[in-house]
Amino acid sequence: MNESKPIRKPGILSKDIGNERLLYSVEGKEIHTLNSTAKLIWELCDGEHSSAEMEQAIRARFAVNEQQDVIGDVRRTLETLWSKGLLEPF
């Protein structure tokens, strides 16, 4: 994955439920549940944030140690969102 700036696919309905977010893909007729970290990544998929900027936002919001592979987690989450058809191609 390059350092593109992912963007959410239009037509995905979302609803916050506590710290989680439900996404509904009308096209795929699927529901996806995001935990608080994936929810933040989803929010940052606005075409203006790179995966490196997402990593910084996660480190700022959540208690993570320096050794934790946050960028790897961000990239895996982005790949999953993309594979589920929730992001525009990047």
N, C-alpha and C. Protein backbone atom coordinates (compact mmCIF):
# COMPACT_ATOMS: atom_id res chain seq x y z
N MET A 1 0.86 -1.18 0.00
CA MET A 1 0.00 0.00 0.00
C MET A 1 0.90 1.23 0.00
N ASN A 2 0.57 2.17 -0.83
CA ASN A 2 1.36 3.39 -0.88
C ASN A 2 0.83 4.40 0.12
N GLU A 3 1.38 5.58 0.10
CA GLU A 3 0.97 6.61 1.05
C GLU A 3 -0.17 7.46 0.50
N SER A 4 -1.09 6.84 -0.20
CA SER A 4 -2.25 7.56 -0.69
C SER A 4 -3.12 7.97 0.49
N LYS A 5 -4.11 8.73 0.18
CA LYS A 5 -5.03 9.21 1.21
C LYS A 5 -6.41 8.61 0.93
N PRO A 6 -6.71 7.51 1.61
CA PRO A 6 -7.95 6.77 1.34
C PRO A 6 -9.20 7.62 1.57
N ILE A 7 -10.25 7.24 0.86
CA ILE A 7 -11.53 7.94 1.00
C ILE A 7 -12.66 6.91 1.06
N ARG A 8 -13.62 7.22 1.93
CA ARG A 8 -14.77 6.34 2.09
C ARG A 8 -15.58 6.29 0.79
N LYS A 9 -16.13 5.14 0.52
CA LYS A 9 -16.98 4.97 -0.65
C LYS A 9 -18.33 5.61 -0.36
N PRO A 10 -18.90 6.33 -1.32
CA PRO A 10 -20.22 6.91 -1.08
C PRO A 10 -21.27 5.80 -0.95
N GLY A 11 -22.34 6.12 -0.27
CA GLY A 11 -23.44 5.17 -0.13
C GLY A 11 -23.29 4.21 1.04
N ILE A 12 -22.29 4.41 1.88
CA ILE A 12 -22.14 3.58 3.07
C ILE A 12 -22.83 4.31 4.22
N LEU A 13 -23.82 3.68 4.78
CA LEU A 13 -24.55 4.27 5.91
C LEU A 13 -23.80 3.94 7.18
N SER A 14 -23.74 4.89 8.12
CA SER A 14 -23.04 4.63 9.37
C SER A 14 -23.84 5.16 10.55
N LYS A 15 -23.66 4.48 11.67
CA LYS A 15 -24.34 4.87 12.90
C LYS A 15 -23.41 4.55 14.06
N ASP A 16 -23.23 5.54 14.94
CA ASP A 16 -22.44 5.33 16.15
C ASP A 16 -23.28 4.64 17.20
N ILE A 17 -22.67 3.65 17.84
CA ILE A 17 -23.29 2.95 18.96
C ILE A 17 -22.22 2.87 20.03
N GLY A 18 -22.28 3.82 20.96
CA GLY A 18 -21.24 3.90 21.98
C GLY A 18 -19.90 4.21 21.34
N ASN A 19 -18.89 3.42 21.68
CA ASN A 19 -17.55 3.62 21.11
C ASN A 19 -17.38 2.94 19.77
N GLU A 20 -18.39 2.24 19.31
CA GLU A 20 -18.30 1.51 18.05
C GLU A 20 -19.10 2.23 16.97
N ARG A 21 -18.86 1.81 15.74
CA ARG A 21 -19.62 2.35 14.61
C ARG A 21 -20.08 1.18 13.75
N LEU A 22 -21.35 1.24 13.38
CA LEU A 22 -21.90 0.27 12.44
C LEU A 22 -21.88 0.87 11.06
N LEU A 23 -21.41 0.09 10.09
CA LEU A 23 -21.43 0.52 8.70
C LEU A 23 -22.34 -0.44 7.95
N TYR A 24 -23.17 0.12 7.09
CA TYR A 24 -24.05 -0.70 6.28
C TYR A 24 -23.79 -0.40 4.82
N SER A 25 -23.39 -1.42 4.11
CA SER A 25 -23.14 -1.30 2.68
C SER A 25 -24.41 -1.72 1.95
N VAL A 26 -25.11 -0.73 1.41
CA VAL A 26 -26.34 -1.02 0.67
C VAL A 26 -26.03 -1.90 -0.52
N GLU A 27 -24.94 -1.56 -1.22
CA GLU A 27 -24.54 -2.31 -2.41
C GLU A 27 -24.26 -3.77 -2.09
N GLY A 28 -23.50 -4.00 -1.04
CA GLY A 28 -23.14 -5.37 -0.66
C GLY A 28 -24.11 -6.01 0.31
N LYS A 29 -25.08 -5.23 0.79
CA LYS A 29 -26.06 -5.70 1.76
C LYS A 29 -25.38 -6.37 2.94
N GLU A 30 -24.37 -5.67 3.48
CA GLU A 30 -23.61 -6.18 4.60
C GLU A 30 -23.52 -5.13 5.71
N ILE A 31 -23.41 -5.62 6.93
CA ILE A 31 -23.20 -4.76 8.09
C ILE A 31 -21.83 -5.07 8.66
N HIS A 32 -21.10 -4.02 8.99
CA HIS A 32 -19.76 -4.16 9.57
C HIS A 32 -19.72 -3.37 10.88
N THR A 33 -19.09 -3.93 11.88
CA THR A 33 -18.93 -3.25 13.17
C THR A 33 -17.47 -2.87 13.35
N LEU A 34 -17.23 -1.60 13.64
CA LEU A 34 -15.87 -1.10 13.85
C LEU A 34 -15.65 -0.81 15.33
N ASN A 35 -14.52 -1.25 15.86
CA ASN A 35 -14.19 -0.88 17.23
C ASN A 35 -13.71 0.58 17.24
N SER A 36 -13.34 1.08 18.40
CA SER A 36 -13.01 2.50 18.50
C SER A 36 -11.79 2.89 17.66
N THR A 37 -10.82 2.00 17.54
CA THR A 37 -9.64 2.31 16.72
C THR A 37 -10.00 2.32 15.24
N ALA A 38 -10.70 1.30 14.79
CA ALA A 38 -11.12 1.24 13.38
C ALA A 38 -12.09 2.38 13.06
N LYS A 39 -12.89 2.78 14.04
CA LYS A 39 -13.80 3.91 13.87
C LYS A 39 -13.01 5.19 13.57
N LEU A 40 -11.93 5.42 14.31
CA LEU A 40 -11.10 6.60 14.07
C LEU A 40 -10.46 6.53 12.68
N ILE A 41 -9.97 5.37 12.31
CA ILE A 41 -9.39 5.22 10.97
C ILE A 41 -10.45 5.52 9.91
N TRP A 42 -11.67 5.00 10.09
CA TRP A 42 -12.77 5.26 9.15
C TRP A 42 -13.04 6.76 9.03
N GLU A 43 -13.07 7.44 10.18
CA GLU A 43 -13.33 8.88 10.17
C GLU A 43 -12.24 9.63 9.41
N LEU A 44 -11.02 9.13 9.47
CA LEU A 44 -9.89 9.79 8.81
C LEU A 44 -9.76 9.41 7.33
N CYS A 45 -10.61 8.52 6.86
CA CYS A 45 -10.63 8.16 5.43
C CYS A 45 -11.46 9.20 4.69
N ASP A 46 -10.93 10.40 4.63
CA ASP A 46 -11.63 11.53 4.03
C ASP A 46 -10.89 12.09 2.83
N GLY A 47 -9.86 11.37 2.38
CA GLY A 47 -9.07 11.84 1.25
C GLY A 47 -8.03 12.87 1.64
N GLU A 48 -7.92 13.17 2.92
CA GLU A 48 -6.97 14.18 3.38
C GLU A 48 -5.90 13.63 4.32
N HIS A 49 -6.05 12.37 4.75
CA HIS A 49 -5.12 11.80 5.72
C HIS A 49 -4.44 10.55 5.15
N SER A 50 -3.14 10.49 5.30
CA SER A 50 -2.37 9.29 4.91
C SER A 50 -2.37 8.30 6.07
N SER A 51 -1.89 7.10 5.81
CA SER A 51 -1.80 6.10 6.88
C SER A 51 -0.85 6.58 7.99
N ALA A 52 0.19 7.30 7.63
CA ALA A 52 1.12 7.83 8.65
C ALA A 52 0.41 8.85 9.55
N GLU A 53 -0.44 9.67 8.97
CA GLU A 53 -1.20 10.65 9.77
C GLU A 53 -2.23 9.94 10.64
N MET A 54 -2.78 8.84 10.14
CA MET A 54 -3.72 8.05 10.94
C MET A 54 -3.01 7.43 12.13
N GLU A 55 -1.79 6.95 11.90
CA GLU A 55 -0.99 6.40 12.99
C GLU A 55 -0.78 7.46 14.08
N GLN A 56 -0.42 8.66 13.68
CA GLN A 56 -0.21 9.74 14.65
C GLN A 56 -1.48 10.03 15.44
N ALA A 57 -2.62 10.03 14.77
CA ALA A 57 -3.90 10.29 15.45
C ALA A 57 -4.22 9.20 16.47
N ILE A 58 -3.94 7.96 16.11
CA ILE A 58 -4.19 6.84 17.04
C ILE A 58 -3.26 6.95 18.24
N ARG A 59 -2.00 7.24 18.00
CA ARG A 59 -1.05 7.38 19.13
C ARG A 59 -1.45 8.54 20.04
N ALA A 60 -2.02 9.60 19.46
CA ALA A 60 -2.44 10.75 20.27
C ALA A 60 -3.70 10.45 21.07
N ARG A 61 -4.60 9.63 20.54
CA ARG A 61 -5.88 9.40 21.20
C ARG A 61 -5.86 8.21 22.15
N PHE A 62 -5.09 7.18 21.84
CA PHE A 62 -5.10 5.96 22.64
C PHE A 62 -3.75 5.74 23.31
N ALA A 63 -3.77 5.02 24.42
CA ALA A 63 -2.53 4.70 25.12
C ALA A 63 -1.87 3.51 24.43
N VAL A 64 -0.86 3.79 23.61
CA VAL A 64 -0.11 2.73 22.95
C VAL A 64 1.36 2.93 23.25
N ASN A 65 2.07 1.82 23.40
CA ASN A 65 3.50 1.97 23.68
C ASN A 65 4.26 2.16 22.37
N GLU A 66 5.47 2.63 22.50
CA GLU A 66 6.29 2.96 21.34
C GLU A 66 6.60 1.74 20.46
N GLN A 67 6.64 0.56 21.06
CA GLN A 67 6.99 -0.64 20.31
C GLN A 67 5.81 -1.21 19.52
N GLN A 68 4.62 -0.77 19.81
CA GLN A 68 3.44 -1.31 19.14
C GLN A 68 3.44 -0.92 17.66
N ASP A 69 3.12 -1.88 16.79
CA ASP A 69 3.13 -1.67 15.33
C ASP A 69 1.82 -1.03 14.89
N VAL A 70 1.65 0.25 15.22
CA VAL A 70 0.42 0.96 14.91
C VAL A 70 0.27 1.14 13.40
N ILE A 71 1.34 1.47 12.70
CA ILE A 71 1.24 1.68 11.25
C ILE A 71 0.83 0.37 10.56
N GLY A 72 1.33 -0.74 11.05
CA GLY A 72 0.91 -2.04 10.51
C GLY A 72 -0.57 -2.29 10.74
N ASP A 73 -1.04 -1.94 11.94
CA ASP A 73 -2.47 -2.09 12.25
C ASP A 73 -3.32 -1.19 11.36
N VAL A 74 -2.87 0.05 11.14
CA VAL A 74 -3.59 0.98 10.28
C VAL A 74 -3.68 0.40 8.87
N ARG A 75 -2.57 -0.06 8.36
CA ARG A 75 -2.55 -0.60 6.99
C ARG A 75 -3.43 -1.83 6.86
N ARG A 76 -3.40 -2.72 7.85
CA ARG A 76 -4.26 -3.91 7.80
C ARG A 76 -5.73 -3.52 7.85
N THR A 77 -6.05 -2.53 8.68
CA THR A 77 -7.44 -2.06 8.76
C THR A 77 -7.88 -1.45 7.43
N LEU A 78 -7.03 -0.64 6.83
CA LEU A 78 -7.36 -0.05 5.53
C LEU A 78 -7.55 -1.13 4.46
N GLU A 79 -6.68 -2.13 4.47
CA GLU A 79 -6.81 -3.22 3.51
C GLU A 79 -8.12 -3.98 3.71
N THR A 80 -8.50 -4.19 4.97
CA THR A 80 -9.77 -4.86 5.25
C THR A 80 -10.95 -4.02 4.79
N LEU A 81 -10.93 -2.73 5.11
CA LEU A 81 -12.02 -1.85 4.66
C LEU A 81 -12.13 -1.85 3.14
N TRP A 82 -10.99 -1.81 2.48
CA TRP A 82 -10.98 -1.83 1.03
C TRP A 82 -11.51 -3.16 0.48
N SER A 83 -11.06 -4.26 1.08
CA SER A 83 -11.49 -5.59 0.60
C SER A 83 -13.00 -5.81 0.81
N LYS A 84 -13.57 -5.11 1.78
CA LYS A 84 -15.01 -5.22 2.03
C LYS A 84 -15.81 -4.26 1.14
N GLY A 85 -15.10 -3.50 0.31
CA GLY A 85 -15.79 -2.58 -0.61
C GLY A 85 -16.26 -1.29 0.04
N LEU A 86 -15.61 -0.89 1.14
CA LEU A 86 -16.03 0.29 1.88
C LEU A 86 -15.22 1.54 1.53
N LEU A 87 -14.11 1.35 0.82
CA LEU A 87 -13.26 2.47 0.42
C LEU A 87 -13.16 2.55 -1.09
N GLU A 88 -12.94 3.76 -1.57
CA GLU A 88 -12.66 3.94 -2.98
C GLU A 88 -11.30 3.28 -3.27
N PRO A 89 -11.07 2.81 -4.49
CA PRO A 89 -9.76 2.21 -4.79
C PRO A 89 -8.63 3.21 -4.53
N PHE A 90 -7.54 2.71 -3.97
CA PHE A 90 -6.36 3.55 -3.71
C PHE A 90 -5.12 2.77 -3.97
